[in-house]
């Protein structure tokens, strides 16, 4: 059996990175995915006839080189495709109550929209279309 997840969506916040005492780089970001809302087997539409979508938020974690690339080139709103695995955690809070969490450990991240410009990039590379539909 395999633990594989593939998500395509938009970054909800700019990625945040930290480095452990052992030197491992850990980068976190949130990813918003959406899907049409259904009722009685039919797609729900608003008063203007547009599809109503439900959005889900996913916590994504990447390590080392992948995390460095994400930190360097990704920003809020960017479209990405994440391939990875689901990881569940359990801990006790300060009151001793069991808490549970879920995150996606990224193995690859593909950019579906243009990466943010960095200081080393040429400013003249603006001929790409950012409007990739989902």
N, C-alpha and C. Protein backbone atom coordinates (compact mmCIF):
# COMPACT_ATOMS: atom_id res chain seq x y z
N UNK A 1 0.83 -1.18 0.00
CA UNK A 1 0.00 0.00 0.00
C UNK A 1 0.88 1.25 0.00
N UNK A 2 0.40 2.29 -0.65
CA UNK A 2 1.13 3.54 -0.77
C UNK A 2 0.38 4.68 -0.08
N UNK A 3 1.11 5.62 0.44
CA UNK A 3 0.57 6.85 1.00
C UNK A 3 0.98 7.97 0.05
N UNK A 4 0.10 8.29 -0.90
CA UNK A 4 0.41 9.28 -1.92
C UNK A 4 -0.73 10.30 -1.98
N UNK A 5 -0.36 11.57 -2.05
CA UNK A 5 -1.36 12.63 -2.21
C UNK A 5 -0.85 13.59 -3.28
N UNK A 6 -1.78 14.07 -4.12
CA UNK A 6 -1.47 15.07 -5.14
C UNK A 6 -2.49 16.18 -4.99
N UNK A 7 -2.01 17.41 -4.77
CA UNK A 7 -2.88 18.57 -4.59
C UNK A 7 -2.45 19.68 -5.53
N UNK A 8 -3.41 20.34 -6.15
CA UNK A 8 -3.14 21.53 -6.96
C UNK A 8 -3.95 22.66 -6.38
N UNK A 9 -3.28 23.77 -6.11
CA UNK A 9 -3.99 24.90 -5.51
C UNK A 9 -3.12 26.13 -5.44
N UNK A 10 -3.55 27.07 -4.60
CA UNK A 10 -2.88 28.35 -4.44
C UNK A 10 -2.29 28.47 -3.04
N UNK A 11 -1.09 29.06 -2.95
CA UNK A 11 -0.49 29.31 -1.66
C UNK A 11 -1.32 30.33 -0.90
N UNK A 12 -1.61 30.04 0.36
CA UNK A 12 -2.41 30.94 1.18
C UNK A 12 -1.59 32.01 1.86
N UNK A 13 -0.32 31.73 2.12
CA UNK A 13 0.60 32.67 2.74
C UNK A 13 1.98 32.46 2.12
N UNK A 14 2.86 33.43 2.28
CA UNK A 14 4.24 33.22 1.86
C UNK A 14 4.85 32.09 2.69
N UNK A 15 5.70 31.26 2.10
CA UNK A 15 6.33 30.17 2.84
C UNK A 15 7.20 30.70 3.99
N UNK A 16 7.28 29.93 5.06
CA UNK A 16 8.12 30.26 6.20
C UNK A 16 9.09 29.12 6.44
N UNK A 17 10.36 29.45 6.65
CA UNK A 17 11.38 28.43 6.87
C UNK A 17 12.07 28.62 8.21
N UNK A 18 12.57 27.51 8.72
CA UNK A 18 13.41 27.52 9.91
C UNK A 18 14.42 26.39 9.76
N UNK A 19 15.47 26.44 10.53
CA UNK A 19 16.49 25.40 10.48
C UNK A 19 16.62 24.80 11.87
N UNK A 20 16.62 23.48 11.94
CA UNK A 20 16.74 22.79 13.22
C UNK A 20 18.19 22.88 13.70
N UNK A 21 18.41 22.52 14.96
CA UNK A 21 19.77 22.52 15.51
C UNK A 21 20.66 21.54 14.74
N UNK A 22 20.06 20.50 14.18
CA UNK A 22 20.81 19.52 13.40
C UNK A 22 21.09 19.96 11.97
N UNK A 23 20.58 21.14 11.57
CA UNK A 23 20.85 21.66 10.24
C UNK A 23 19.81 21.35 9.19
N UNK A 24 18.69 20.73 9.57
CA UNK A 24 17.63 20.43 8.62
C UNK A 24 16.77 21.67 8.41
N UNK A 25 16.58 22.03 7.15
CA UNK A 25 15.73 23.17 6.81
C UNK A 25 14.29 22.66 6.69
N UNK A 26 13.36 23.33 7.38
CA UNK A 26 11.95 22.96 7.33
C UNK A 26 11.17 24.17 6.85
N UNK A 27 10.42 23.99 5.76
CA UNK A 27 9.63 25.08 5.18
C UNK A 27 8.17 24.70 5.24
N UNK A 28 7.33 25.62 5.72
CA UNK A 28 5.89 25.41 5.82
C UNK A 28 5.16 26.42 4.95
N UNK A 29 4.04 25.97 4.36
CA UNK A 29 3.12 26.89 3.71
C UNK A 29 1.73 26.26 3.70
N UNK A 30 0.73 27.08 3.47
CA UNK A 30 -0.63 26.57 3.37
C UNK A 30 -1.04 26.58 1.91
N UNK A 31 -1.85 25.61 1.54
CA UNK A 31 -2.33 25.48 0.17
C UNK A 31 -3.84 25.40 0.19
N UNK A 32 -4.49 26.24 -0.63
CA UNK A 32 -5.94 26.24 -0.75
C UNK A 32 -6.34 25.47 -2.00
N UNK A 33 -7.20 24.49 -1.82
CA UNK A 33 -7.78 23.77 -2.96
C UNK A 33 -9.29 24.00 -2.92
N UNK A 34 -9.91 23.95 -4.08
CA UNK A 34 -11.37 24.13 -4.10
C UNK A 34 -12.01 23.12 -5.02
N UNK A 35 -13.27 22.88 -4.74
CA UNK A 35 -14.06 21.94 -5.52
C UNK A 35 -15.49 22.44 -5.56
N UNK A 36 -16.23 22.05 -6.59
CA UNK A 36 -17.63 22.50 -6.67
C UNK A 36 -18.46 21.92 -5.51
N UNK A 37 -19.40 22.72 -5.02
CA UNK A 37 -20.33 22.26 -3.99
C UNK A 37 -21.50 21.54 -4.68
N UNK A 38 -21.89 20.40 -4.13
CA UNK A 38 -22.99 19.61 -4.69
C UNK A 38 -24.13 19.52 -3.68
N UNK A 39 -25.35 19.49 -4.20
CA UNK A 39 -26.53 19.25 -3.38
C UNK A 39 -27.49 18.43 -4.22
N UNK A 40 -27.93 17.33 -3.67
CA UNK A 40 -28.83 16.41 -4.37
C UNK A 40 -28.25 15.98 -5.72
N UNK A 41 -26.94 15.78 -5.77
CA UNK A 41 -26.28 15.30 -6.98
C UNK A 41 -26.05 16.34 -8.05
N UNK A 42 -26.36 17.60 -7.76
CA UNK A 42 -26.19 18.66 -8.75
C UNK A 42 -25.26 19.74 -8.21
N UNK A 43 -24.53 20.38 -9.12
CA UNK A 43 -23.64 21.47 -8.74
C UNK A 43 -24.48 22.66 -8.28
N UNK A 44 -24.13 23.23 -7.12
CA UNK A 44 -24.83 24.40 -6.59
C UNK A 44 -24.33 25.64 -7.33
N UNK A 45 -25.28 26.50 -7.73
CA UNK A 45 -24.93 27.74 -8.42
C UNK A 45 -25.49 28.93 -7.64
N UNK A 46 -24.79 30.06 -7.73
CA UNK A 46 -25.25 31.27 -7.05
C UNK A 46 -26.31 31.98 -7.90
N UNK A 47 -26.74 33.16 -7.44
CA UNK A 47 -27.81 33.88 -8.13
C UNK A 47 -27.40 34.36 -9.52
N UNK A 48 -26.10 34.41 -9.80
CA UNK A 48 -25.63 34.82 -11.13
C UNK A 48 -25.30 33.61 -12.02
N UNK A 49 -25.57 32.41 -11.52
CA UNK A 49 -25.35 31.21 -12.31
C UNK A 49 -23.94 30.63 -12.22
N UNK A 50 -23.10 31.22 -11.38
CA UNK A 50 -21.73 30.72 -11.23
C UNK A 50 -21.69 29.59 -10.21
N UNK A 51 -20.77 28.66 -10.45
CA UNK A 51 -20.58 27.54 -9.52
C UNK A 51 -20.16 28.05 -8.14
N UNK A 52 -20.70 27.43 -7.10
CA UNK A 52 -20.27 27.71 -5.73
C UNK A 52 -19.22 26.68 -5.38
N UNK A 53 -18.06 27.14 -4.92
CA UNK A 53 -16.96 26.25 -4.56
C UNK A 53 -16.76 26.18 -3.06
N UNK A 54 -16.32 25.02 -2.59
CA UNK A 54 -15.88 24.85 -1.22
C UNK A 54 -14.36 24.82 -1.23
N UNK A 55 -13.74 25.58 -0.32
CA UNK A 55 -12.29 25.65 -0.25
C UNK A 55 -11.82 24.87 0.96
N UNK A 56 -10.75 24.10 0.78
CA UNK A 56 -10.11 23.38 1.87
C UNK A 56 -8.68 23.86 1.97
N UNK A 57 -8.17 23.95 3.22
CA UNK A 57 -6.82 24.41 3.47
C UNK A 57 -5.96 23.25 3.93
N UNK A 58 -4.76 23.16 3.38
CA UNK A 58 -3.83 22.07 3.69
C UNK A 58 -2.52 22.66 4.19
N UNK A 59 -1.97 22.05 5.24
CA UNK A 59 -0.66 22.45 5.73
C UNK A 59 0.39 21.61 5.01
N UNK A 60 1.35 22.28 4.37
CA UNK A 60 2.38 21.60 3.59
C UNK A 60 3.73 21.83 4.25
N UNK A 61 4.54 20.77 4.34
CA UNK A 61 5.89 20.85 4.89
C UNK A 61 6.86 20.30 3.87
N UNK A 62 7.96 21.03 3.65
CA UNK A 62 9.02 20.57 2.75
C UNK A 62 10.35 20.69 3.49
N UNK A 63 11.29 19.85 3.10
CA UNK A 63 12.57 19.80 3.79
C UNK A 63 13.72 20.17 2.86
N UNK A 64 14.79 20.68 3.47
CA UNK A 64 16.09 20.93 2.87
C UNK A 64 16.03 21.66 1.53
N UNK A 65 16.57 21.07 0.44
CA UNK A 65 16.66 21.75 -0.84
C UNK A 65 15.32 22.14 -1.42
N UNK A 66 14.33 21.25 -1.32
CA UNK A 66 12.99 21.58 -1.81
C UNK A 66 12.43 22.77 -1.04
N UNK A 67 12.61 22.76 0.26
CA UNK A 67 12.14 23.87 1.08
C UNK A 67 12.83 25.17 0.72
N UNK A 68 14.12 25.11 0.42
CA UNK A 68 14.87 26.31 0.04
C UNK A 68 14.33 26.88 -1.27
N UNK A 69 14.05 26.01 -2.24
CA UNK A 69 13.50 26.44 -3.53
C UNK A 69 12.14 27.08 -3.34
N UNK A 70 11.29 26.46 -2.53
CA UNK A 70 9.96 27.00 -2.27
C UNK A 70 10.06 28.38 -1.61
N UNK A 71 10.92 28.48 -0.60
CA UNK A 71 11.10 29.76 0.10
C UNK A 71 11.58 30.84 -0.86
N UNK A 72 12.45 30.46 -1.78
CA UNK A 72 13.05 31.44 -2.69
C UNK A 72 12.10 31.88 -3.80
N UNK A 73 11.28 30.96 -4.33
CA UNK A 73 10.53 31.26 -5.54
C UNK A 73 9.01 31.33 -5.39
N UNK A 74 8.47 30.93 -4.25
CA UNK A 74 7.01 30.91 -4.09
C UNK A 74 6.54 32.06 -3.21
N UNK A 75 5.31 32.50 -3.49
CA UNK A 75 4.70 33.56 -2.69
C UNK A 75 3.19 33.36 -2.67
N UNK A 76 2.53 34.09 -1.78
CA UNK A 76 1.08 33.98 -1.61
C UNK A 76 0.37 34.11 -2.96
N UNK A 77 -0.62 33.26 -3.19
CA UNK A 77 -1.42 33.30 -4.41
C UNK A 77 -0.90 32.45 -5.55
N UNK A 78 0.35 32.05 -5.49
CA UNK A 78 0.95 31.28 -6.58
C UNK A 78 0.30 29.90 -6.69
N UNK A 79 0.11 29.45 -7.93
CA UNK A 79 -0.46 28.12 -8.18
C UNK A 79 0.66 27.09 -8.21
N UNK A 80 0.49 26.00 -7.45
CA UNK A 80 1.48 24.92 -7.42
C UNK A 80 0.78 23.57 -7.40
N UNK A 81 1.53 22.55 -7.79
CA UNK A 81 1.09 21.16 -7.70
C UNK A 81 2.03 20.47 -6.73
N UNK A 82 1.48 19.93 -5.66
CA UNK A 82 2.27 19.28 -4.61
C UNK A 82 2.04 17.78 -4.68
N UNK A 83 3.14 17.02 -4.73
CA UNK A 83 3.08 15.56 -4.62
C UNK A 83 3.79 15.18 -3.33
N UNK A 84 3.16 14.34 -2.54
CA UNK A 84 3.78 13.96 -1.28
C UNK A 84 3.00 12.89 -0.57
N UNK A 85 3.05 12.95 0.76
CA UNK A 85 2.37 11.95 1.59
C UNK A 85 1.68 12.63 2.76
N UNK A 86 0.64 11.99 3.24
CA UNK A 86 -0.10 12.51 4.40
C UNK A 86 0.62 12.04 5.67
N UNK A 87 0.78 12.96 6.61
CA UNK A 87 1.43 12.65 7.88
C UNK A 87 0.52 13.12 9.02
N UNK A 88 0.16 12.20 9.91
CA UNK A 88 -0.68 12.53 11.06
C UNK A 88 0.19 12.63 12.31
N UNK A 89 -0.15 13.57 13.18
CA UNK A 89 0.57 13.71 14.44
C UNK A 89 -0.42 13.72 15.59
N UNK A 90 0.08 13.33 16.76
CA UNK A 90 -0.72 13.33 17.98
C UNK A 90 0.15 13.89 19.09
N UNK A 91 -0.42 14.79 19.91
CA UNK A 91 0.30 15.35 21.03
C UNK A 91 -0.69 15.70 22.13
N UNK A 92 -0.16 15.98 23.31
CA UNK A 92 -0.99 16.43 24.43
C UNK A 92 -0.79 17.93 24.60
N UNK A 93 -1.90 18.65 24.75
CA UNK A 93 -1.79 20.09 24.97
C UNK A 93 -1.47 20.36 26.44
N UNK A 94 -1.44 21.64 26.84
CA UNK A 94 -1.06 22.00 28.20
C UNK A 94 -2.03 21.47 29.26
N UNK A 95 -3.27 21.19 28.84
CA UNK A 95 -4.26 20.65 29.77
C UNK A 95 -4.26 19.11 29.76
N UNK A 96 -3.36 18.51 28.99
CA UNK A 96 -3.27 17.05 28.94
C UNK A 96 -4.26 16.40 27.98
N UNK A 97 -4.94 17.21 27.15
CA UNK A 97 -5.92 16.71 26.19
C UNK A 97 -5.18 16.28 24.92
N UNK A 98 -5.55 15.10 24.41
CA UNK A 98 -4.96 14.63 23.16
C UNK A 98 -5.39 15.52 22.01
N UNK A 99 -4.44 15.96 21.21
CA UNK A 99 -4.69 16.76 20.02
C UNK A 99 -4.13 16.01 18.81
N UNK A 100 -4.74 16.25 17.66
CA UNK A 100 -4.34 15.58 16.45
C UNK A 100 -4.13 16.60 15.34
N UNK A 101 -3.20 16.30 14.46
CA UNK A 101 -2.93 17.18 13.33
C UNK A 101 -2.66 16.38 12.07
N UNK A 102 -2.77 17.05 10.95
CA UNK A 102 -2.53 16.42 9.66
C UNK A 102 -1.77 17.42 8.79
N UNK A 103 -0.75 16.94 8.12
CA UNK A 103 0.00 17.78 7.19
C UNK A 103 0.42 16.93 6.01
N UNK A 104 0.79 17.61 4.94
CA UNK A 104 1.30 16.95 3.75
C UNK A 104 2.81 17.16 3.73
N UNK A 105 3.57 16.08 3.67
CA UNK A 105 5.02 16.16 3.52
C UNK A 105 5.29 16.16 2.02
N UNK A 106 5.77 17.30 1.51
CA UNK A 106 5.98 17.46 0.07
C UNK A 106 7.23 16.70 -0.37
N UNK A 107 7.09 15.98 -1.47
CA UNK A 107 8.24 15.33 -2.10
C UNK A 107 8.64 16.07 -3.37
N UNK A 108 7.66 16.63 -4.09
CA UNK A 108 7.93 17.50 -5.24
C UNK A 108 6.90 18.62 -5.24
N UNK A 109 7.29 19.77 -5.75
CA UNK A 109 6.39 20.90 -5.92
C UNK A 109 6.65 21.46 -7.32
N UNK A 110 5.62 21.45 -8.16
CA UNK A 110 5.72 22.00 -9.51
C UNK A 110 5.03 23.35 -9.53
N UNK A 111 5.67 24.34 -10.15
CA UNK A 111 5.09 25.68 -10.26
C UNK A 111 4.12 25.70 -11.43
N UNK A 112 2.88 26.07 -11.17
CA UNK A 112 1.85 26.16 -12.21
C UNK A 112 1.63 27.60 -12.65
N UNK A 113 2.21 28.53 -11.94
CA UNK A 113 2.23 29.93 -12.36
C UNK A 113 3.66 30.41 -12.21
N UNK A 114 3.94 31.54 -12.77
CA UNK A 114 5.31 32.05 -12.79
C UNK A 114 5.83 32.26 -11.37
N UNK A 115 7.07 31.86 -11.14
CA UNK A 115 7.71 32.05 -9.85
C UNK A 115 7.96 33.52 -9.60
N UNK A 116 8.02 33.90 -8.32
CA UNK A 116 8.30 35.31 -8.01
C UNK A 116 9.71 35.67 -8.48
N UNK A 117 9.89 36.92 -8.80
CA UNK A 117 11.19 37.40 -9.25
C UNK A 117 12.12 37.55 -8.05
N UNK A 118 13.36 37.12 -8.23
CA UNK A 118 14.36 37.30 -7.18
C UNK A 118 15.39 38.29 -7.67
N UNK A 119 16.28 38.70 -6.80
CA UNK A 119 17.29 39.70 -7.16
C UNK A 119 18.17 39.24 -8.32
N UNK A 120 18.36 37.92 -8.47
CA UNK A 120 19.26 37.40 -9.51
C UNK A 120 18.55 37.19 -10.84
N UNK A 121 17.23 37.29 -10.88
CA UNK A 121 16.47 37.05 -12.10
C UNK A 121 16.52 38.27 -13.01
N UNK A 122 16.39 38.04 -14.32
CA UNK A 122 16.28 39.14 -15.27
C UNK A 122 14.89 39.73 -15.18
N UNK A 123 14.78 41.04 -15.08
CA UNK A 123 13.49 41.70 -14.96
C UNK A 123 12.71 41.66 -16.27
N UNK A 124 13.37 41.36 -17.39
CA UNK A 124 12.71 41.37 -18.68
C UNK A 124 11.94 40.12 -19.02
N UNK A 125 11.91 39.13 -18.17
CA UNK A 125 11.22 37.88 -18.48
C UNK A 125 9.78 37.95 -18.03
N UNK A 126 8.93 38.66 -18.78
CA UNK A 126 7.54 38.84 -18.37
C UNK A 126 6.57 38.44 -19.48
N UNK A 127 6.99 37.53 -20.36
CA UNK A 127 6.15 37.12 -21.48
C UNK A 127 5.30 35.89 -21.17
N UNK A 128 5.21 35.48 -19.92
CA UNK A 128 4.48 34.28 -19.57
C UNK A 128 3.08 34.62 -19.09
N UNK A 129 2.15 33.71 -19.33
CA UNK A 129 0.76 33.90 -18.93
C UNK A 129 0.56 33.32 -17.54
N UNK A 130 0.15 34.15 -16.57
CA UNK A 130 -0.09 33.69 -15.20
C UNK A 130 -1.46 33.07 -15.02
N UNK A 131 -2.34 33.20 -15.96
CA UNK A 131 -3.72 32.76 -15.78
C UNK A 131 -3.91 31.33 -16.22
N UNK A 132 -3.47 30.40 -15.38
CA UNK A 132 -3.65 28.98 -15.64
C UNK A 132 -4.92 28.55 -14.92
N UNK A 133 -5.97 28.17 -15.62
CA UNK A 133 -7.24 27.85 -14.97
C UNK A 133 -7.21 26.51 -14.26
N UNK A 134 -8.04 26.39 -13.25
CA UNK A 134 -8.27 25.12 -12.55
C UNK A 134 -9.71 24.73 -12.70
